[in-house]
């Protein structure tokens, strides 16, 4: 999918990220029993000891998260992405944008989703990701609001200032 020794060319980046996203989504069908267990874990999380959930996360989702984070960081090093100093957050955004709606519609692959709809959701997710993270481009949100202040407001934000207590950061 993404060869770390040969990063995509800028003109192929979107195509290659769509291919990666399709592969990640295909895992739900290829490992249906695994995702059946994931559904149970999510449904019973409030009855599972936190240390068990942590161990499961470290054995399953965390290595995938780390691998995706590293792959995106290499794309940044190659000058293709600008991860704004947080590769892990960008990886989380990528996964959310390519998979969340599909997971919700299919219940982790239980219900079928027409291939055209799945493709539309995947390509739309990758396009949104690239609008935020493609190197050389400015995020529309960051460009319009500027850097955030310590209350999470951009310089052009007209939202009334909130107190630290409202934000949950009361010292």
C-alpha atoms as a PDB file:
ATOM      1  CA  UNK A   1       0.000   0.000   0.000  1.00  0.00           C
ATOM      2  CA  UNK A   2       2.493   2.645   1.141  1.00  0.00           C
ATOM      3  CA  UNK A   3       6.093   1.642   0.624  1.00  0.00           C
ATOM      4  CA  UNK A   4       8.213   3.507   3.202  1.00  0.00           C
ATOM      5  CA  UNK A   5      11.247   3.243   0.923  1.00  0.00           C
ATOM      6  CA  UNK A   6       9.393   4.781  -2.024  1.00  0.00           C
ATOM      7  CA  UNK A   7       6.865   7.387  -0.922  1.00  0.00           C
ATOM      8  CA  UNK A   8       4.184   8.367  -3.399  1.00  0.00           C
ATOM      9  CA  UNK A   9       4.764  11.177  -5.814  1.00  0.00           C
ATOM     10  CA  UNK A  10       2.729  14.281  -4.981  1.00  0.00           C
ATOM     11  CA  UNK A  11       0.412  13.637  -7.920  1.00  0.00           C
ATOM     12  CA  UNK A  12      -0.221  10.059  -6.680  1.00  0.00           C
ATOM     13  CA  UNK A  13      -0.687  10.840  -2.996  1.00  0.00           C
ATOM     14  CA  UNK A  14      -4.481  10.926  -3.023  1.00  0.00           C
ATOM     15  CA  UNK A  15      -4.689   7.731  -5.068  1.00  0.00           C
ATOM     16  CA  UNK A  16      -2.264   5.951  -2.744  1.00  0.00           C
ATOM     17  CA  UNK A  17      -4.046   7.117   0.415  1.00  0.00           C
ATOM     18  CA  UNK A  18      -7.362   5.927  -1.062  1.00  0.00           C
ATOM     19  CA  UNK A  19      -5.736   2.546  -1.700  1.00  0.00           C
ATOM     20  CA  UNK A  20      -4.494   2.433   1.898  1.00  0.00           C
ATOM     21  CA  UNK A  21      -7.942   3.406   3.178  1.00  0.00           C
ATOM     22  CA  UNK A  22      -9.628   0.702   1.093  1.00  0.00           C
ATOM     23  CA  UNK A  23      -7.217  -1.848   2.530  1.00  0.00           C
ATOM     24  CA  UNK A  24      -7.953  -0.748   6.082  1.00  0.00           C
ATOM     25  CA  UNK A  25     -11.708  -0.871   5.512  1.00  0.00           C
ATOM     26  CA  UNK A  26     -11.415  -4.262   3.785  1.00  0.00           C
ATOM     27  CA  UNK A  27     -10.084  -5.661   7.070  1.00  0.00           C
ATOM     28  CA  UNK A  28     -13.649  -5.629   8.431  1.00  0.00           C
ATOM     29  CA  UNK A  29     -14.686  -8.157   5.792  1.00  0.00           C
ATOM     30  CA  UNK A  30     -11.440 -10.127   5.814  1.00  0.00           C
ATOM     31  CA  UNK A  31     -11.499 -10.529   9.606  1.00  0.00           C
ATOM     32  CA  UNK A  32     -15.211 -10.702  10.326  1.00  0.00           C
ATOM     33  CA  UNK A  33     -14.732 -12.804  13.480  1.00  0.00           C
ATOM     34  CA  UNK A  34     -12.260 -10.303  14.871  1.00  0.00           C
ATOM     35  CA  UNK A  35     -14.674  -7.429  14.320  1.00  0.00           C
ATOM     36  CA  UNK A  36     -17.479  -9.479  15.888  1.00  0.00           C
ATOM     37  CA  UNK A  37     -15.308  -9.533  19.010  1.00  0.00           C
ATOM     38  CA  UNK A  38     -14.684  -5.790  18.675  1.00  0.00           C
ATOM     39  CA  UNK A  39     -18.463  -5.220  18.633  1.00  0.00           C
ATOM     40  CA  UNK A  40     -18.781  -7.236  21.844  1.00  0.00           C
ATOM     41  CA  UNK A  41     -15.935  -5.349  23.505  1.00  0.00           C
ATOM     42  CA  UNK A  42     -17.534  -2.024  22.642  1.00  0.00           C
ATOM     43  CA  UNK A  43     -20.954  -3.187  23.816  1.00  0.00           C
ATOM     44  CA  UNK A  44     -19.638  -4.554  27.122  1.00  0.00           C
ATOM     45  CA  UNK A  45     -16.910  -1.999  27.845  1.00  0.00           C
ATOM     46  CA  UNK A  46     -18.648  -0.774  30.984  1.00  0.00           C
ATOM     47  CA  UNK A  47     -18.530  -4.357  32.367  1.00  0.00           C
ATOM     48  CA  UNK A  48     -14.887  -5.051  31.501  1.00  0.00           C
ATOM     49  CA  UNK A  49     -12.123  -4.123  33.944  1.00  0.00           C
ATOM     50  CA  UNK A  50     -10.104  -1.126  32.708  1.00  0.00           C
ATOM     51  CA  UNK A  51      -6.859  -3.107  32.751  1.00  0.00           C
ATOM     52  CA  UNK A  52      -8.395  -5.686  30.389  1.00  0.00           C
ATOM     53  CA  UNK A  53      -9.538  -2.943  28.013  1.00  0.00           C
ATOM     54  CA  UNK A  54      -6.070  -1.401  28.166  1.00  0.00           C
ATOM     55  CA  UNK A  55      -4.415  -4.759  27.444  1.00  0.00           C
ATOM     56  CA  UNK A  56      -6.786  -5.357  24.510  1.00  0.00           C
ATOM     57  CA  UNK A  57      -6.084  -1.868  23.153  1.00  0.00           C
ATOM     58  CA  UNK A  58      -2.324  -2.358  23.413  1.00  0.00           C
ATOM     59  CA  UNK A  59      -2.533  -5.730  21.654  1.00  0.00           C
ATOM     60  CA  UNK A  60      -4.845  -4.631  18.845  1.00  0.00           C
ATOM     61  CA  UNK A  61      -5.673  -1.033  17.968  1.00  0.00           C
ATOM     62  CA  UNK A  62      -2.497   0.569  19.356  1.00  0.00           C
ATOM     63  CA  UNK A  63      -0.037  -1.188  17.005  1.00  0.00           C
ATOM     64  CA  UNK A  64      -2.205  -0.236  14.018  1.00  0.00           C
ATOM     65  CA  UNK A  65      -2.367   3.354  15.278  1.00  0.00           C
ATOM     66  CA  UNK A  66       1.408   3.453  15.700  1.00  0.00           C
ATOM     67  CA  UNK A  67       2.047   2.002  12.229  1.00  0.00           C
ATOM     68  CA  UNK A  68      -0.287   4.523  10.599  1.00  0.00           C
ATOM     69  CA  UNK A  69       1.263   7.362  12.609  1.00  0.00           C
ATOM     70  CA  UNK A  70       4.736   6.306  11.465  1.00  0.00           C
ATOM     71  CA  UNK A  71       3.623   5.993   7.829  1.00  0.00           C
ATOM     72  CA  UNK A  72       2.107   9.482   7.860  1.00  0.00           C
ATOM     73  CA  UNK A  73       5.224  10.870   9.547  1.00  0.00           C
ATOM     74  CA  UNK A  74       7.328   9.406   6.719  1.00  0.00           C
ATOM     75  CA  UNK A  75       5.037  11.092   4.196  1.00  0.00           C
ATOM     76  CA  UNK A  76       5.615  14.336   6.066  1.00  0.00           C
ATOM     77  CA  UNK A  77       9.384  13.765   5.978  1.00  0.00           C
ATOM     78  CA  UNK A  78       9.072  13.245   2.219  1.00  0.00           C
ATOM     79  CA  UNK A  79       7.408  16.660   1.973  1.00  0.00           C
ATOM     80  CA  UNK A  80       3.970  15.336   1.006  1.00  0.00           C
ATOM     81  CA  UNK A  81       2.052  16.097   4.197  1.00  0.00           C
ATOM     82  CA  UNK A  82       2.133  18.773   6.891  1.00  0.00           C
ATOM     83  CA  UNK A  83       0.950  17.089  10.082  1.00  0.00           C
ATOM     84  CA  UNK A  84       1.144  20.324  12.078  1.00  0.00           C
ATOM     85  CA  UNK A  85       3.415  18.786  14.694  1.00  0.00           C
ATOM     86  CA  UNK A  86       1.096  15.928  15.683  1.00  0.00           C
ATOM     87  CA  UNK A  87       1.361  12.792  13.553  1.00  0.00           C
ATOM     88  CA  UNK A  88      -0.738  10.750  15.999  1.00  0.00           C
ATOM     89  CA  UNK A  89      -3.600  13.243  15.820  1.00  0.00           C
ATOM     90  CA  UNK A  90      -3.388  13.266  12.026  1.00  0.00           C
ATOM     91  CA  UNK A  91      -3.515   9.450  12.000  1.00  0.00           C
ATOM     92  CA  UNK A  92      -6.612   9.571  14.205  1.00  0.00           C
ATOM     93  CA  UNK A  93      -8.187  12.063  11.831  1.00  0.00           C
ATOM     94  CA  UNK A  94      -7.358   9.859   8.853  1.00  0.00           C
ATOM     95  CA  UNK A  95      -8.971   6.807  10.458  1.00  0.00           C
ATOM     96  CA  UNK A  96     -12.033   8.762  11.541  1.00  0.00           C
ATOM     97  CA  UNK A  97     -12.520  10.338   8.133  1.00  0.00           C
ATOM     98  CA  UNK A  98     -12.197   7.097   6.176  1.00  0.00           C
ATOM     99  CA  UNK A  99     -13.979   4.728   8.522  1.00  0.00           C
ATOM    100  CA  UNK A 100     -16.370   6.252  11.029  1.00  0.00           C
ATOM    101  CA  UNK A 101     -19.398   6.539   8.767  1.00  0.00           C
ATOM    102  CA  UNK A 102     -18.779   3.104   7.266  1.00  0.00           C
ATOM    103  CA  UNK A 103     -18.475   1.533  10.721  1.00  0.00           C
ATOM    104  CA  UNK A 104     -21.686   3.238  11.830  1.00  0.00           C
ATOM    105  CA  UNK A 105     -23.658   2.260   8.710  1.00  0.00           C
ATOM    106  CA  UNK A 106     -22.434  -1.349   8.688  1.00  0.00           C
ATOM    107  CA  UNK A 107     -22.002  -1.983  12.431  1.00  0.00           C
ATOM    108  CA  UNK A 108     -18.394  -3.063  11.861  1.00  0.00           C
ATOM    109  CA  UNK A 109     -19.220  -4.942   8.685  1.00  0.00           C
ATOM    110  CA  UNK A 110     -22.401  -6.733   9.782  1.00  0.00           C
ATOM    111  CA  UNK A 111     -24.679  -4.942   7.327  1.00  0.00           C
ATOM    112  CA  UNK A 112     -23.755  -4.642   3.663  1.00  0.00           C
ATOM    113  CA  UNK A 113     -22.924  -1.283   2.177  1.00  0.00           C
ATOM    114  CA  UNK A 114     -23.061  -0.862  -1.597  1.00  0.00           C
ATOM    115  CA  UNK A 115     -19.553  -0.714  -3.041  1.00  0.00           C
ATOM    116  CA  UNK A 116     -20.227   2.648  -4.682  1.00  0.00           C
ATOM    117  CA  UNK A 117     -21.330   4.159  -1.356  1.00  0.00           C
ATOM    118  CA  UNK A 118     -18.317   2.706   0.466  1.00  0.00           C
ATOM    119  CA  UNK A 119     -16.026   4.105  -2.207  1.00  0.00           C
ATOM    120  CA  UNK A 120     -17.714   7.520  -1.995  1.00  0.00           C
ATOM    121  CA  UNK A 121     -17.197   7.593   1.774  1.00  0.00           C
ATOM    122  CA  UNK A 122     -13.568   6.482   1.536  1.00  0.00           C
ATOM    123  CA  UNK A 123     -12.596   8.911  -1.215  1.00  0.00           C
ATOM    124  CA  UNK A 124     -14.465  11.719   0.532  1.00  0.00           C
ATOM    125  CA  UNK A 125     -12.611  10.955   3.764  1.00  0.00           C
ATOM    126  CA  UNK A 126      -9.235  10.985   2.038  1.00  0.00           C
ATOM    127  CA  UNK A 127     -10.097  14.232   0.247  1.00  0.00           C
ATOM    128  CA  UNK A 128     -11.066  15.870   3.541  1.00  0.00           C
ATOM    129  CA  UNK A 129      -7.856  14.586   5.157  1.00  0.00           C
ATOM    130  CA  UNK A 130      -5.749  16.045   2.364  1.00  0.00           C
ATOM    131  CA  UNK A 131      -7.509  19.403   2.594  1.00  0.00           C
ATOM    132  CA  UNK A 132      -6.297  19.567   6.181  1.00  0.00           C
ATOM    133  CA  UNK A 133      -2.872  17.935   5.853  1.00  0.00           C
ATOM    134  CA  UNK A 134      -1.497  18.186   2.303  1.00  0.00           C
ATOM    135  CA  UNK A 135       1.893  19.912   2.401  1.00  0.00           C
ATOM    136  CA  UNK A 136       1.895  23.428   1.050  1.00  0.00           C
ATOM    137  CA  UNK A 137      -1.794  23.921   1.647  1.00  0.00           C
ATOM    138  CA  UNK A 138      -3.295  25.820   4.530  1.00  0.00           C
ATOM    139  CA  UNK A 139      -6.126  24.421   6.511  1.00  0.00           C
ATOM    140  CA  UNK A 140      -9.120  26.625   5.793  1.00  0.00           C
ATOM    141  CA  UNK A 141      -9.971  26.649   9.495  1.00  0.00           C
ATOM    142  CA  UNK A 142      -6.451  27.572  10.586  1.00  0.00           C
ATOM    143  CA  UNK A 143      -6.200  30.225   7.885  1.00  0.00           C
ATOM    144  CA  UNK A 144      -9.452  31.890   8.933  1.00  0.00           C
ATOM    145  CA  UNK A 145      -9.072  31.643  12.685  1.00  0.00           C
ATOM    146  CA  UNK A 146      -5.326  31.839  13.091  1.00  0.00           C
ATOM    147  CA  UNK A 147      -3.410  30.166  15.913  1.00  0.00           C
ATOM    148  CA  UNK A 148      -5.450  29.311  18.967  1.00  0.00           C
ATOM    149  CA  UNK A 149      -4.998  31.185  22.213  1.00  0.00           C
ATOM    150  CA  UNK A 150      -4.893  29.416  25.585  1.00  0.00           C
ATOM    151  CA  UNK A 151      -8.707  29.258  25.677  1.00  0.00           C
ATOM    152  CA  UNK A 152      -8.884  27.504  22.325  1.00  0.00           C
ATOM    153  CA  UNK A 153     -10.060  30.588  20.416  1.00  0.00           C
ATOM    154  CA  UNK A 154      -8.508  31.751  17.164  1.00  0.00           C
ATOM    155  CA  UNK A 155      -7.547  35.392  16.686  1.00  0.00           C
ATOM    156  CA  UNK A 156     -10.609  36.049  14.498  1.00  0.00           C
ATOM    157  CA  UNK A 157     -13.009  34.000  16.605  1.00  0.00           C
ATOM    158  CA  UNK A 158     -15.975  36.134  17.654  1.00  0.00           C
ATOM    159  CA  UNK A 159     -17.136  33.599  20.237  1.00  0.00           C
ATOM    160  CA  UNK A 160     -17.371  35.149  23.705  1.00  0.00           C
ATOM    161  CA  UNK A 161     -14.426  34.201  25.847  1.00  0.00           C
ATOM    162  CA  UNK A 162     -15.055  31.277  28.142  1.00  0.00           C
ATOM    163  CA  UNK A 163     -13.553  30.989  31.553  1.00  0.00           C
ATOM    164  CA  UNK A 164     -10.987  28.364  32.429  1.00  0.00           C
ATOM    165  CA  UNK A 165     -13.528  26.773  34.782  1.00  0.00           C
ATOM    166  CA  UNK A 166     -15.962  26.306  31.860  1.00  0.00           C
ATOM    167  CA  UNK A 167     -13.189  24.616  29.902  1.00  0.00           C
ATOM    168  CA  UNK A 168     -12.420  22.261  32.794  1.00  0.00           C
ATOM    169  CA  UNK A 169      -8.940  23.601  33.356  1.00  0.00           C
ATOM    170  CA  UNK A 170      -9.435  25.419  36.635  1.00  0.00           C
ATOM    171  CA  UNK A 171      -6.103  25.292  38.500  1.00  0.00           C
END
